[in-house]
Amino acid sequence: MTNEHLSNEQLQLLVDDELSVSEAAAVKEHLRLCRRCNAVYGSLSKLDSALLNLPMEHLGSDFTRNVLTKLHIVPKIPFLFRVVENLAYVFGLMMVLGVMLAAFVFTGVISSEQISQTKSSVGETSGMIADTMNSIFDALTVSLQSYLPFVFGGGSLKIAVTGTFVVGMLALLDRFLKRRLLR
């Protein structure tokens, strides 16, 4: 290695401390004997030190949003995030209503008898809605099976219809909430 000069890559690897122990020893031995390579190594070391001591620019937390706004780029929010975001609103509403209900019960504004009547009427209504939805899903399943008998079995088609319905309802709810909240 003493007859040939070291490459800039080898010297930079030494500056960055990315050479193996044996390679670093060989390069340092060459630097001890070769003035030209030692001068290049010194320059690279000074440059590395100067770059490390440069002050870093700190960008604000809204830097990316500001740049995208100026470029007229609207970032797309992933669907799953929107679903979770809207579920957070629903859970928040449920918590507020629960606290209000508890306060009304403790202050005597609502009696436990009124709560049990409300529970039974909600149970009846949800039962009617569930029966209606089952009838609709059964009708859709039967009609789709007559058109696509070779694609789906009875159970898997009902699952597909139910999944499609749920995703559609979540999308409609998402659209409704965004229009209401962003006005």
C-alpha atoms as a PDB file:
ATOM      1  CA  MET A   1       0.000   0.000   0.000  1.00  0.00           C
ATOM      2  CA  THR A   2       2.994   2.307   0.398  1.00  0.00           C
ATOM      3  CA  ASN A   3       3.681   2.467  -3.386  1.00  0.00           C
ATOM      4  CA  GLU A   4       0.155   3.497  -4.354  1.00  0.00           C
ATOM      5  CA  HIS A   5      -1.873   6.367  -2.971  1.00  0.00           C
ATOM      6  CA  LEU A   6      -5.078   5.826  -1.043  1.00  0.00           C
ATOM      7  CA  SER A   7      -8.402   6.606  -2.706  1.00  0.00           C
ATOM      8  CA  ASN A   8     -10.596   9.409  -1.444  1.00  0.00           C
ATOM      9  CA  GLU A   9     -13.164   6.753  -0.560  1.00  0.00           C
ATOM     10  CA  GLN A  10     -10.712   4.931   1.698  1.00  0.00           C
ATOM     11  CA  LEU A  11      -9.738   8.185   3.393  1.00  0.00           C
ATOM     12  CA  GLN A  12     -13.366   9.208   3.894  1.00  0.00           C
ATOM     13  CA  LEU A  13     -14.148   5.804   5.384  1.00  0.00           C
ATOM     14  CA  LEU A  14     -11.305   6.366   7.853  1.00  0.00           C
ATOM     15  CA  VAL A  15     -12.656   9.838   8.716  1.00  0.00           C
ATOM     16  CA  ASP A  16     -16.128   8.336   9.238  1.00  0.00           C
ATOM     17  CA  ASP A  17     -14.611   5.501  11.320  1.00  0.00           C
ATOM     18  CA  GLU A  18     -16.177   2.865   9.068  1.00  0.00           C
ATOM     19  CA  LEU A  19     -13.093   0.752   8.344  1.00  0.00           C
ATOM     20  CA  SER A  20     -12.399  -2.543  10.044  1.00  0.00           C
ATOM     21  CA  VAL A  21      -9.595  -2.583  12.595  1.00  0.00           C
ATOM     22  CA  SER A  22      -7.120  -4.206  10.207  1.00  0.00           C
ATOM     23  CA  GLU A  23      -8.006  -1.884   7.302  1.00  0.00           C
ATOM     24  CA  ALA A  24      -7.767   1.182   9.545  1.00  0.00           C
ATOM     25  CA  ALA A  25      -4.331   0.069  10.758  1.00  0.00           C
ATOM     26  CA  ALA A  26      -3.089  -0.392   7.167  1.00  0.00           C
ATOM     27  CA  VAL A  27      -4.456   3.007   6.092  1.00  0.00           C
ATOM     28  CA  LYS A  28      -2.924   4.760   9.129  1.00  0.00           C
ATOM     29  CA  GLU A  29       0.426   3.088   8.408  1.00  0.00           C
ATOM     30  CA  HIS A  30       0.254   4.401   4.819  1.00  0.00           C
ATOM     31  CA  LEU A  31      -0.638   7.894   6.088  1.00  0.00           C
ATOM     32  CA  ARG A  32       2.412   7.836   8.343  1.00  0.00           C
ATOM     33  CA  LEU A  33       4.645   7.219   5.298  1.00  0.00           C
ATOM     34  CA  CYS A  34       2.858   9.221   2.535  1.00  0.00           C
ATOM     35  CA  ARG A  35       2.704  13.022   2.766  1.00  0.00           C
ATOM     36  CA  ARG A  36       0.281  13.413  -0.136  1.00  0.00           C
ATOM     37  CA  CYS A  37      -2.335  11.023   1.323  1.00  0.00           C
ATOM     38  CA  ASN A  38      -1.807  12.528   4.788  1.00  0.00           C
ATOM     39  CA  ALA A  39      -2.551  16.026   3.402  1.00  0.00           C
ATOM     40  CA  VAL A  40      -5.759  14.785   1.729  1.00  0.00           C
ATOM     41  CA  TYR A  41      -6.755  13.012   4.956  1.00  0.00           C
ATOM     42  CA  GLY A  42      -6.141  16.235   6.909  1.00  0.00           C
ATOM     43  CA  SER A  43      -8.345  18.189   4.496  1.00  0.00           C
ATOM     44  CA  LEU A  44     -11.124  15.607   4.727  1.00  0.00           C
ATOM     45  CA  SER A  45     -10.880  15.600   8.523  1.00  0.00           C
ATOM     46  CA  LYS A  46     -11.102  19.419   8.672  1.00  0.00           C
ATOM     47  CA  LEU A  47     -14.071  19.407   6.283  1.00  0.00           C
ATOM     48  CA  ASP A  48     -15.826  16.733   8.356  1.00  0.00           C
ATOM     49  CA  SER A  49     -15.223  18.695  11.546  1.00  0.00           C
ATOM     50  CA  ALA A  50     -16.484  21.923   9.972  1.00  0.00           C
ATOM     51  CA  LEU A  51     -19.638  20.210   8.696  1.00  0.00           C
ATOM     52  CA  LEU A  52     -20.333  18.684  12.105  1.00  0.00           C
ATOM     53  CA  ASN A  53     -20.022  22.116  13.750  1.00  0.00           C
ATOM     54  CA  LEU A  54     -22.439  23.876  11.385  1.00  0.00           C
ATOM     55  CA  PRO A  55     -25.578  25.112  13.140  1.00  0.00           C
ATOM     56  CA  MET A  56     -28.632  23.010  12.341  1.00  0.00           C
ATOM     57  CA  GLU A  57     -31.788  24.644  11.058  1.00  0.00           C
ATOM     58  CA  HIS A  58     -34.845  23.697  13.092  1.00  0.00           C
ATOM     59  CA  LEU A  59     -38.049  23.530  11.112  1.00  0.00           C
ATOM     60  CA  GLY A  60     -41.400  24.214  12.682  1.00  0.00           C
ATOM     61  CA  SER A  61     -43.843  21.405  13.315  1.00  0.00           C
ATOM     62  CA  ASP A  62     -46.126  22.745  10.581  1.00  0.00           C
ATOM     63  CA  PHE A  63     -43.390  23.077   7.930  1.00  0.00           C
ATOM     64  CA  THR A  64     -44.624  20.178   5.777  1.00  0.00           C
ATOM     65  CA  ARG A  65     -48.240  21.328   5.952  1.00  0.00           C
ATOM     66  CA  ASN A  66     -47.232  24.887   4.953  1.00  0.00           C
ATOM     67  CA  VAL A  67     -45.210  23.663   1.981  1.00  0.00           C
ATOM     68  CA  LEU A  68     -48.029  21.384   0.798  1.00  0.00           C
ATOM     69  CA  THR A  69     -50.520  24.236   1.173  1.00  0.00           C
ATOM     70  CA  LYS A  70     -48.377  26.576  -0.903  1.00  0.00           C
ATOM     71  CA  LEU A  71     -48.040  23.884  -3.570  1.00  0.00           C
ATOM     72  CA  HIS A  72     -51.831  23.386  -3.501  1.00  0.00           C
ATOM     73  CA  ILE A  73     -51.465  19.731  -2.559  1.00  0.00           C
ATOM     74  CA  VAL A  74     -54.145  18.338  -0.286  1.00  0.00           C
ATOM     75  CA  PRO A  75     -52.876  15.300   1.609  1.00  0.00           C
ATOM     76  CA  LYS A  76     -55.221  12.325   1.524  1.00  0.00           C
ATOM     77  CA  ILE A  77     -56.203  10.922   4.876  1.00  0.00           C
ATOM     78  CA  PRO A  78     -56.219   7.109   4.906  1.00  0.00           C
ATOM     79  CA  PHE A  79     -59.682   5.517   5.114  1.00  0.00           C
ATOM     80  CA  LEU A  80     -58.900   3.551   8.256  1.00  0.00           C
ATOM     81  CA  PHE A  81     -57.759   6.722  10.018  1.00  0.00           C
ATOM     82  CA  ARG A  82     -60.999   8.461   9.052  1.00  0.00           C
ATOM     83  CA  VAL A  83     -63.034   5.539  10.414  1.00  0.00           C
ATOM     84  CA  VAL A  84     -61.134   5.574  13.709  1.00  0.00           C
ATOM     85  CA  GLU A  85     -61.376   9.349  13.859  1.00  0.00           C
ATOM     86  CA  ASN A  86     -65.158   9.213  13.481  1.00  0.00           C
ATOM     87  CA  LEU A  87     -65.417   6.392  15.991  1.00  0.00           C
ATOM     88  CA  ALA A  88     -63.592   8.655  18.419  1.00  0.00           C
ATOM     89  CA  TYR A  89     -66.386  11.226  17.994  1.00  0.00           C
ATOM     90  CA  VAL A  90     -69.004   8.552  18.620  1.00  0.00           C
ATOM     91  CA  PHE A  91     -67.231   7.277  21.740  1.00  0.00           C
ATOM     92  CA  GLY A  92     -66.779  10.836  22.993  1.00  0.00           C
ATOM     93  CA  LEU A  93     -70.485  11.488  22.495  1.00  0.00           C
ATOM     94  CA  MET A  94     -71.325   8.258  24.314  1.00  0.00           C
ATOM     95  CA  MET A  95     -69.120   9.270  27.234  1.00  0.00           C
ATOM     96  CA  VAL A  96     -70.696  12.730  27.483  1.00  0.00           C
ATOM     97  CA  LEU A  97     -74.194  11.261  27.322  1.00  0.00           C
ATOM     98  CA  GLY A  98     -73.262   8.693  29.988  1.00  0.00           C
ATOM     99  CA  VAL A  99     -71.964  11.379  32.325  1.00  0.00           C
ATOM    100  CA  MET A 100     -75.087  13.465  31.733  1.00  0.00           C
ATOM    101  CA  LEU A 101     -77.325  10.457  32.366  1.00  0.00           C
ATOM    102  CA  ALA A 102     -75.467   9.644  35.582  1.00  0.00           C
ATOM    103  CA  ALA A 103     -75.804  13.265  36.725  1.00  0.00           C
ATOM    104  CA  PHE A 104     -79.545  13.243  35.945  1.00  0.00           C
ATOM    105  CA  VAL A 105     -80.022  10.003  37.884  1.00  0.00           C
ATOM    106  CA  PHE A 106     -78.046  11.230  40.916  1.00  0.00           C
ATOM    107  CA  THR A 107     -79.879  14.570  41.018  1.00  0.00           C
ATOM    108  CA  GLY A 108     -83.277  12.876  40.670  1.00  0.00           C
ATOM    109  CA  VAL A 109     -84.196  14.457  37.344  1.00  0.00           C
ATOM    110  CA  ILE A 110     -84.552  10.979  35.822  1.00  0.00           C
ATOM    111  CA  SER A 111     -85.795   8.029  37.832  1.00  0.00           C
ATOM    112  CA  SER A 112     -84.549   4.461  37.492  1.00  0.00           C
ATOM    113  CA  GLU A 113     -88.044   3.496  36.281  1.00  0.00           C
ATOM    114  CA  GLN A 114     -87.723   5.934  33.340  1.00  0.00           C
ATOM    115  CA  ILE A 115     -84.326   4.434  32.490  1.00  0.00           C
ATOM    116  CA  SER A 116     -85.733   0.894  32.436  1.00  0.00           C
ATOM    117  CA  GLN A 117     -88.631   2.055  30.217  1.00  0.00           C
ATOM    118  CA  THR A 118     -86.132   3.703  27.865  1.00  0.00           C
ATOM    119  CA  LYS A 119     -84.003   0.548  27.820  1.00  0.00           C
ATOM    120  CA  SER A 120     -86.984  -1.596  26.873  1.00  0.00           C
ATOM    121  CA  SER A 121     -88.104   0.774  24.097  1.00  0.00           C
ATOM    122  CA  VAL A 122     -84.546   1.009  22.763  1.00  0.00           C
ATOM    123  CA  GLY A 123     -84.308  -2.789  22.894  1.00  0.00           C
ATOM    124  CA  GLU A 124     -87.582  -3.160  20.975  1.00  0.00           C
ATOM    125  CA  THR A 125     -86.512  -0.605  18.370  1.00  0.00           C
ATOM    126  CA  SER A 126     -83.086  -2.165  17.902  1.00  0.00           C
ATOM    127  CA  GLY A 127     -84.730  -5.590  17.614  1.00  0.00           C
ATOM    128  CA  MET A 128     -87.047  -4.294  14.889  1.00  0.00           C
ATOM    129  CA  ILE A 129     -84.109  -2.708  13.078  1.00  0.00           C
ATOM    130  CA  ALA A 130     -82.126  -5.957  13.348  1.00  0.00           C
ATOM    131  CA  ASP A 131     -85.063  -7.978  11.992  1.00  0.00           C
ATOM    132  CA  THR A 132     -85.498  -5.540   9.104  1.00  0.00           C
ATOM    133  CA  MET A 133     -81.764  -5.628   8.303  1.00  0.00           C
ATOM    134  CA  ASN A 134     -81.758  -9.446   8.388  1.00  0.00           C
ATOM    135  CA  SER A 135     -84.714  -9.481   5.995  1.00  0.00           C
ATOM    136  CA  ILE A 136     -82.925  -7.071   3.649  1.00  0.00           C
ATOM    137  CA  PHE A 137     -79.695  -9.105   3.791  1.00  0.00           C
ATOM    138  CA  ASP A 138     -81.609 -12.332   3.174  1.00  0.00           C
ATOM    139  CA  ALA A 139     -83.375 -10.777   0.171  1.00  0.00           C
ATOM    140  CA  LEU A 140     -80.073  -9.475  -1.217  1.00  0.00           C
ATOM    141  CA  THR A 141     -78.427 -12.832  -0.644  1.00  0.00           C
ATOM    142  CA  VAL A 142     -81.197 -14.722  -2.447  1.00  0.00           C
ATOM    143  CA  SER A 143     -81.239 -12.302  -5.386  1.00  0.00           C
ATOM    144  CA  LEU A 144     -77.444 -12.319  -5.734  1.00  0.00           C
ATOM    145  CA  GLN A 145     -77.304 -16.107  -5.468  1.00  0.00           C
ATOM    146  CA  SER A 146     -79.670 -16.387  -8.391  1.00  0.00           C
ATOM    147  CA  TYR A 147     -77.332 -14.198 -10.498  1.00  0.00           C
ATOM    148  CA  LEU A 148     -74.021 -15.473  -9.106  1.00  0.00           C
ATOM    149  CA  PRO A 149     -74.576 -19.060  -7.975  1.00  0.00           C
ATOM    150  CA  PHE A 150     -71.109 -20.182  -9.027  1.00  0.00           C
ATOM    151  CA  VAL A 151     -69.212 -17.414  -7.189  1.00  0.00           C
ATOM    152  CA  PHE A 152     -70.525 -17.520  -3.637  1.00  0.00           C
ATOM    153  CA  GLY A 153     -71.904 -20.111  -1.316  1.00  0.00           C
ATOM    154  CA  GLY A 154     -74.817 -19.067   0.880  1.00  0.00           C
ATOM    155  CA  GLY A 155     -72.787 -18.080   3.945  1.00  0.00           C
ATOM    156  CA  SER A 156     -69.949 -16.305   2.190  1.00  0.00           C
ATOM    157  CA  LEU A 157     -72.331 -14.208   0.114  1.00  0.00           C
ATOM    158  CA  LYS A 158     -74.129 -13.003   3.232  1.00  0.00           C
ATOM    159  CA  ILE A 159     -70.780 -12.059   4.743  1.00  0.00           C
ATOM    160  CA  ALA A 160     -69.819 -10.169   1.571  1.00  0.00           C
ATOM    161  CA  VAL A 161     -73.136  -8.292   1.499  1.00  0.00           C
ATOM    162  CA  THR A 162     -72.892  -7.451   5.192  1.00  0.00           C
ATOM    163  CA  GLY A 163     -69.305  -6.234   4.828  1.00  0.00           C
ATOM    164  CA  THR A 164     -70.200  -4.112   1.822  1.00  0.00           C
ATOM    165  CA  PHE A 165     -73.138  -2.616   3.691  1.00  0.00           C
ATOM    166  CA  VAL A 166     -71.057  -1.831   6.778  1.00  0.00           C
ATOM    167  CA  VAL A 167     -68.282  -0.197   4.741  1.00  0.00           C
ATOM    168  CA  GLY A 168     -70.866   1.805   2.787  1.00  0.00           C
ATOM    169  CA  MET A 169     -72.543   3.004   5.973  1.00  0.00           C
ATOM    170  CA  LEU A 170     -69.196   3.986   7.484  1.00  0.00           C
ATOM    171  CA  ALA A 171     -68.331   5.928   4.327  1.00  0.00           C
ATOM    172  CA  LEU A 172     -71.685   7.737   4.420  1.00  0.00           C
ATOM    173  CA  LEU A 173     -71.267   8.510   8.106  1.00  0.00           C
ATOM    174  CA  ASP A 174     -67.748   9.782   7.426  1.00  0.00           C
ATOM    175  CA  ARG A 175     -68.977  12.031   4.615  1.00  0.00           C
ATOM    176  CA  PHE A 176     -71.854  13.328   6.743  1.00  0.00           C
ATOM    177  CA  LEU A 177     -69.639  14.119   9.726  1.00  0.00           C
ATOM    178  CA  LYS A 178     -67.009  15.850   7.601  1.00  0.00           C
ATOM    179  CA  ARG A 179     -69.605  18.070   5.949  1.00  0.00           C
ATOM    180  CA  ARG A 180     -71.172  18.921   9.314  1.00  0.00           C
ATOM    181  CA  LEU A 181     -67.889  19.506  11.143  1.00  0.00           C
ATOM    182  CA  LEU A 182     -66.063  21.422   8.410  1.00  0.00           C
ATOM    183  CA  ARG A 183     -68.771  24.024   7.779  1.00  0.00           C
END
